[in-house]
Every structure is written in C-alpha cells, then in structure tokens.
Amino acid sequence: MRGKLNLNAKLGYPVQTLKTVTNNGQTVVLDLGIMTGLGLLNLQTLAGKVVEIEGEITGFHRVTARRVEDQEELPIMHVRKITPAR
C-alpha cells in the first residue's frame, strides 16, 4: 500500500492517537509490532511523507463516535516493511 504516513492521527470520540497511512480517503491503522529505538527514529523521519508499506491485514480497529451510526472500522495492517515512496 502507498499513502501518507501520520504518526499522530487523532480519530474517534473520545480521541485516540494512532499511527495510520491514508490514500485516496482510505485509512489503514498500522501495527508496528515491537518497533523501538533506531527503527522508530527512522520512522519519525518519514512522518507526513508518502510511504510504501508491506504487511498483512490482521483485523479491524473500531473508531468510536458520538453517534453509533457514525462508527466505522478501519483495517489494521501488521507492517513488515515501510519505505519512502519513489
């Protein structure tokens, strides 16, 4: 998948801060596993930029809303690889 990386996406009510990639209005929540240290620092350099990610959809994240009919589920992708888009 290719899209804009957001490391501090504010979604739902009450607000949750999540890591996401968005492309053409479609948002995917990122599961980065146990990424820490140097890997996380490198990821921060890509914040706000278009990236390419590889991984598997492992489930769905329910975004809560004030009204039940406004709730939605976003796919969760367990990320294997993330690189700057070419």
C-alpha atoms as a PDB file:
ATOM      1  CA  MET A   1       0.000   0.000   0.000  1.00  0.00           C
ATOM      2  CA  ARG A   2       1.110   3.523  -0.705  1.00  0.00           C
ATOM      3  CA  GLY A   3      -0.061   6.594   1.213  1.00  0.00           C
ATOM      4  CA  LYS A   4       0.723   9.473   3.546  1.00  0.00           C
ATOM      5  CA  LEU A   5       2.132   8.440   6.937  1.00  0.00           C
ATOM      6  CA  ASN A   6       0.596  10.006  10.036  1.00  0.00           C
ATOM      7  CA  LEU A   7       2.205   9.026  13.346  1.00  0.00           C
ATOM      8  CA  ASN A   8      -0.290  11.030  15.435  1.00  0.00           C
ATOM      9  CA  ALA A   9      -3.676  10.586  13.753  1.00  0.00           C
ATOM     10  CA  LYS A  10      -6.487  11.751  16.034  1.00  0.00           C
ATOM     11  CA  LEU A  11      -9.529   9.522  15.453  1.00  0.00           C
ATOM     12  CA  GLY A  12     -12.861   8.962  17.136  1.00  0.00           C
ATOM     13  CA  TYR A  13     -14.556  10.212  20.261  1.00  0.00           C
ATOM     14  CA  PRO A  14     -13.057  10.110  22.765  1.00  0.00           C
ATOM     15  CA  VAL A  15      -9.992  10.855  20.660  1.00  0.00           C
ATOM     16  CA  GLN A  16      -7.446   8.071  20.137  1.00  0.00           C
ATOM     17  CA  THR A  17      -3.966   8.749  18.762  1.00  0.00           C
ATOM     18  CA  LEU A  18      -2.969   6.122  16.193  1.00  0.00           C
ATOM     19  CA  LYS A  19      -0.345   5.551  13.520  1.00  0.00           C
ATOM     20  CA  THR A  20      -2.011   5.483  10.085  1.00  0.00           C
ATOM     21  CA  VAL A  21      -1.450   5.596   6.349  1.00  0.00           C
ATOM     22  CA  THR A  22      -4.073   7.322   4.189  1.00  0.00           C
ATOM     23  CA  ASN A  23      -4.511   7.167   0.422  1.00  0.00           C
ATOM     24  CA  ASN A  24      -7.492   8.481  -1.572  1.00  0.00           C
ATOM     25  CA  GLY A  25      -9.572   8.829   1.587  1.00  0.00           C
ATOM     26  CA  GLN A  26      -8.919   5.248   2.733  1.00  0.00           C
ATOM     27  CA  THR A  27      -7.169   4.954   6.104  1.00  0.00           C
ATOM     28  CA  VAL A  28      -5.312   1.914   7.442  1.00  0.00           C
ATOM     29  CA  VAL A  29      -4.214   1.662  11.092  1.00  0.00           C
ATOM     30  CA  LEU A  30      -0.607   0.491  11.419  1.00  0.00           C
ATOM     31  CA  ASP A  31       0.516  -2.250  13.792  1.00  0.00           C
ATOM     32  CA  LEU A  32       4.262  -1.700  14.078  1.00  0.00           C
ATOM     33  CA  GLY A  33       4.776  -4.592  16.487  1.00  0.00           C
ATOM     34  CA  ILE A  34       7.642  -4.011  18.884  1.00  0.00           C
ATOM     35  CA  MET A  35       9.434  -1.398  16.776  1.00  0.00           C
ATOM     36  CA  THR A  36      11.662   0.621  19.121  1.00  0.00           C
ATOM     37  CA  GLY A  37      14.938   2.505  19.141  1.00  0.00           C
ATOM     38  CA  LEU A  38      16.585   3.185  15.786  1.00  0.00           C
ATOM     39  CA  GLY A  39      13.681   1.765  13.784  1.00  0.00           C
ATOM     40  CA  LEU A  40      11.230   4.136  15.449  1.00  0.00           C
ATOM     41  CA  LEU A  41      13.564   7.115  14.977  1.00  0.00           C
ATOM     42  CA  ASN A  42      13.863   6.314  11.269  1.00  0.00           C
ATOM     43  CA  LEU A  43      10.081   6.074  11.040  1.00  0.00           C
ATOM     44  CA  GLN A  44       9.711   9.561  12.508  1.00  0.00           C
ATOM     45  CA  THR A  45      11.759  10.987   9.616  1.00  0.00           C
ATOM     46  CA  LEU A  46       9.020   9.707   7.261  1.00  0.00           C
ATOM     47  CA  ALA A  47       6.129  11.353   9.158  1.00  0.00           C
ATOM     48  CA  GLY A  48       3.883  13.358   6.827  1.00  0.00           C
ATOM     49  CA  LYS A  49       5.502  11.881   3.722  1.00  0.00           C
ATOM     50  CA  VAL A  50       4.222   9.382   1.186  1.00  0.00           C
ATOM     51  CA  VAL A  51       5.453   5.875   2.005  1.00  0.00           C
ATOM     52  CA  GLU A  52       5.062   2.345   0.727  1.00  0.00           C
ATOM     53  CA  ILE A  53       4.190  -0.327   3.264  1.00  0.00           C
ATOM     54  CA  GLU A  54       4.143  -4.094   3.077  1.00  0.00           C
ATOM     55  CA  GLY A  55       2.272  -6.279   5.509  1.00  0.00           C
ATOM     56  CA  GLU A  56      -0.886  -8.218   6.224  1.00  0.00           C
ATOM     57  CA  ILE A  57      -4.347  -7.114   7.298  1.00  0.00           C
ATOM     58  CA  THR A  58      -4.788  -8.710  10.719  1.00  0.00           C
ATOM     59  CA  GLY A  59      -8.105  -7.284  11.864  1.00  0.00           C
ATOM     60  CA  PHE A  60     -10.132  -4.127  12.243  1.00  0.00           C
ATOM     61  CA  HIS A  61      -9.983  -1.167  14.636  1.00  0.00           C
ATOM     62  CA  ARG A  62     -13.360   0.235  15.675  1.00  0.00           C
ATOM     63  CA  VAL A  63     -13.371   4.014  15.668  1.00  0.00           C
ATOM     64  CA  THR A  64     -15.905   5.148  18.248  1.00  0.00           C
ATOM     65  CA  ALA A  65     -18.068   8.165  17.621  1.00  0.00           C
ATOM     66  CA  ARG A  66     -20.630  10.256  19.464  1.00  0.00           C
ATOM     67  CA  ARG A  67     -23.398   8.657  17.431  1.00  0.00           C
ATOM     68  CA  VAL A  68     -23.490   4.897  16.933  1.00  0.00           C
ATOM     69  CA  GLU A  69     -24.346   5.236  13.234  1.00  0.00           C
ATOM     70  CA  ASP A  70     -21.128   7.225  12.684  1.00  0.00           C
ATOM     71  CA  GLN A  71     -18.869   4.435  13.956  1.00  0.00           C
ATOM     72  CA  GLU A  72     -16.609   2.740  11.467  1.00  0.00           C
ATOM     73  CA  GLU A  73     -14.000   0.019  11.358  1.00  0.00           C
ATOM     74  CA  LEU A  74     -10.582   0.624   9.852  1.00  0.00           C
ATOM     75  CA  PRO A  75      -8.328  -2.222   8.721  1.00  0.00           C
ATOM     76  CA  ILE A  76      -5.238  -2.913  10.833  1.00  0.00           C
ATOM     77  CA  MET A  77      -2.070  -3.780   8.936  1.00  0.00           C
ATOM     78  CA  HIS A  78       0.805  -5.575  10.665  1.00  0.00           C
ATOM     79  CA  VAL A  79       3.752  -3.852   8.994  1.00  0.00           C
ATOM     80  CA  ARG A  80       6.685  -5.897   7.734  1.00  0.00           C
ATOM     81  CA  LYS A  81       8.388  -3.136   5.773  1.00  0.00           C
ATOM     82  CA  ILE A  82       7.989   0.614   5.356  1.00  0.00           C
ATOM     83  CA  THR A  83       9.973   2.699   2.870  1.00  0.00           C
ATOM     84  CA  PRO A  84       9.806   6.176   1.322  1.00  0.00           C
ATOM     85  CA  ALA A  85       7.731   6.199  -1.872  1.00  0.00           C
ATOM     86  CA  ARG A  86       9.657   6.601  -5.110  1.00  0.00           C
END
